[in-house]
Amino acid sequence: IFQFNGSNSSIQERAKALEVLQYIRNTYHDGKCDIATIEDGRLMSDAETGEFWGFFGGFAPLPRKTQTDDALSTKALPTNKLFCVVKGHAEPVDAEPLTRELLDTNKCYILDCGLEIYVWLGRSTSLDERKAASGATE
């Protein structure tokens, strides 16, 4: 099993990838296969690296992420949207800007930030309401 670590990957991302690979090896291969780690930017001097790139038709350097790429990707993201969960359905809350005062402790809310979704569960909500909020996020 190959693990490819991109040049911009963090130590946490690399550790999580290794954890997933170990799970796959132990669950689906009875722990009887090898894990090879490929670092972006290493040429084909290593046998494992050469084998990895052979599956893709040969080595090709990947472009590094630049600040302009980050700026372009953040412009394309939608604005944050707040939804109130009512009877298991998410209903949009029309308010600009979003403030803490919009949240009622008797209700559950979903905040859609484009790449991430957060669920806010009011203190006074029942277990059924909390389950409905979790289900509404899907």
Protein backbone atom coordinates (compact mmCIF):
# COMPACT_ATOMS: atom_id res chain seq x y z
CA ILE A 1 0.00 0.00 0.00
CA PHE A 2 1.41 3.39 -0.97
CA GLN A 3 1.05 6.60 1.01
CA PHE A 4 1.79 9.72 -1.02
CA ASN A 5 2.64 12.79 1.07
CA GLY A 6 2.25 16.02 -0.84
CA SER A 7 4.79 18.78 -0.31
CA ASN A 8 2.16 20.99 1.37
CA SER A 9 0.79 18.29 3.70
CA SER A 10 1.09 18.83 7.45
CA ILE A 11 2.47 16.37 9.98
CA GLN A 12 -1.09 15.78 11.25
CA GLU A 13 -2.33 14.92 7.75
CA ARG A 14 0.57 12.53 7.23
CA ALA A 15 -0.05 10.84 10.58
CA LYS A 16 -3.78 10.44 9.86
CA ALA A 17 -3.03 8.97 6.42
CA LEU A 18 -0.67 6.46 8.01
CA GLU A 19 -3.35 5.57 10.57
CA VAL A 20 -5.84 4.89 7.76
CA LEU A 21 -3.30 2.78 5.87
CA GLN A 22 -2.57 0.71 8.96
CA TYR A 23 -6.31 0.15 9.43
CA ILE A 24 -6.66 -0.96 5.78
CA ARG A 25 -3.65 -3.27 6.09
CA ASN A 26 -4.90 -4.88 9.30
CA THR A 27 -8.57 -5.08 8.30
CA TYR A 28 -8.41 -6.08 4.65
CA HIS A 29 -4.98 -7.67 4.27
CA ASP A 30 -4.60 -9.43 7.65
CA GLY A 31 -1.51 -7.31 8.34
CA LYS A 32 0.40 -9.09 5.57
CA CYS A 33 1.31 -6.27 3.22
CA ASP A 34 3.88 -3.51 3.24
CA ILE A 35 3.29 0.22 3.48
CA ALA A 36 5.53 2.44 1.38
CA THR A 37 5.63 6.19 1.99
CA ILE A 38 6.32 8.42 -1.01
CA GLU A 39 7.38 12.01 -0.37
CA ASP A 40 6.51 14.59 -3.02
CA GLY A 41 9.63 15.96 -4.63
CA ARG A 42 11.72 12.80 -4.27
CA LEU A 43 12.91 11.54 -7.58
CA MET A 44 12.87 7.94 -8.72
CA SER A 45 16.14 6.99 -6.99
CA ASP A 46 14.24 4.88 -4.45
CA ALA A 47 12.81 1.55 -5.70
CA GLU A 48 9.46 2.11 -3.96
CA THR A 49 9.16 5.59 -5.43
CA GLY A 50 9.88 4.27 -8.92
CA GLU A 51 7.26 1.53 -8.51
CA PHE A 52 4.69 4.08 -7.30
CA TRP A 53 5.23 6.45 -10.22
CA GLY A 54 5.20 3.49 -12.63
CA PHE A 55 1.50 2.99 -11.87
CA PHE A 56 0.90 6.52 -13.17
CA GLY A 57 3.00 6.24 -16.30
CA GLY A 58 6.14 7.83 -14.87
CA PHE A 59 7.30 10.66 -12.65
CA ALA A 60 5.82 14.12 -13.12
CA PRO A 61 6.48 16.91 -10.62
CA LEU A 62 3.37 18.39 -9.05
CA PRO A 63 3.04 22.18 -8.94
CA ARG A 64 3.37 23.72 -5.50
CA LYS A 65 0.47 25.65 -4.04
CA THR A 66 0.96 29.41 -4.26
CA GLN A 67 -0.64 32.31 -2.43
CA THR A 68 -2.58 33.27 -5.54
CA ASP A 69 -4.13 29.78 -5.57
CA ASP A 70 -5.29 30.33 -1.98
CA ALA A 71 -6.73 33.74 -2.83
CA LEU A 72 -8.64 32.37 -5.82
CA SER A 73 -10.03 29.41 -3.90
CA THR A 74 -11.32 31.54 -1.00
CA LYS A 75 -13.12 33.91 -3.36
CA ALA A 76 -15.11 31.02 -4.81
CA LEU A 77 -16.42 29.91 -1.40
CA PRO A 78 -20.02 30.70 -0.58
CA THR A 79 -20.87 32.88 2.40
CA ASN A 80 -21.82 31.35 5.73
CA LYS A 81 -25.46 30.29 5.96
CA LEU A 82 -27.38 29.66 9.16
CA PHE A 83 -30.26 27.17 9.29
CA CYS A 84 -32.70 26.52 12.12
CA VAL A 85 -33.77 22.89 12.52
CA VAL A 86 -37.57 22.64 12.77
CA LYS A 87 -39.18 19.18 12.87
CA GLY A 88 -36.08 17.58 11.37
CA HIS A 89 -35.79 20.02 8.46
CA ALA A 90 -33.28 22.83 8.07
CA GLU A 91 -34.94 26.18 7.42
CA PRO A 92 -32.75 29.15 6.42
CA VAL A 93 -32.37 32.03 8.87
CA ASP A 94 -32.26 35.34 7.04
CA ALA A 95 -29.91 37.58 8.99
CA GLU A 96 -26.79 39.56 8.14
CA PRO A 97 -24.43 39.58 9.92
CA LEU A 98 -24.63 36.39 11.92
CA THR A 99 -24.50 37.11 15.65
CA ARG A 100 -24.76 35.09 18.84
CA GLU A 101 -28.10 36.72 19.64
CA LEU A 102 -29.69 34.81 16.73
CA LEU A 103 -29.26 31.52 18.60
CA ASP A 104 -32.12 30.39 20.85
CA THR A 105 -31.26 27.87 23.60
CA ASN A 106 -34.52 26.03 22.84
CA LYS A 107 -33.53 25.26 19.23
CA CYS A 108 -30.85 23.57 17.16
CA TYR A 109 -28.98 25.27 14.32
CA ILE A 110 -26.75 24.32 11.42
CA LEU A 111 -24.03 26.68 10.20
CA ASP A 112 -22.88 25.93 6.65
CA CYS A 113 -19.47 27.50 6.03
CA GLY A 114 -18.96 26.02 2.57
CA LEU A 115 -16.19 23.56 3.36
CA GLU A 116 -17.31 22.84 6.92
CA ILE A 117 -20.66 22.37 8.63
CA TYR A 118 -21.27 23.02 12.33
CA VAL A 119 -24.23 21.94 14.43
CA TRP A 120 -25.22 24.08 17.42
CA LEU A 121 -27.44 22.35 19.97
CA GLY A 122 -29.28 24.61 22.39
CA ARG A 123 -29.04 23.78 26.09
CA SER A 124 -32.77 23.25 26.49
CA THR A 125 -33.28 21.00 23.45
CA SER A 126 -34.54 17.45 23.79
CA LEU A 127 -32.68 14.35 22.67
CA ASP A 128 -35.10 13.95 19.75
CA GLU A 129 -34.41 17.51 18.59
CA ARG A 130 -30.66 16.89 18.80
CA LYS A 131 -30.98 13.70 16.76
CA ALA A 132 -33.10 15.54 14.20
CA ALA A 133 -30.45 18.26 13.90
CA SER A 134 -27.73 15.69 13.33
CA GLY A 135 -29.90 13.98 10.71
CA ALA A 136 -30.68 17.27 8.98
CA THR A 137 -26.99 17.92 8.34
CA GLU A 138 -26.86 14.94 6.01
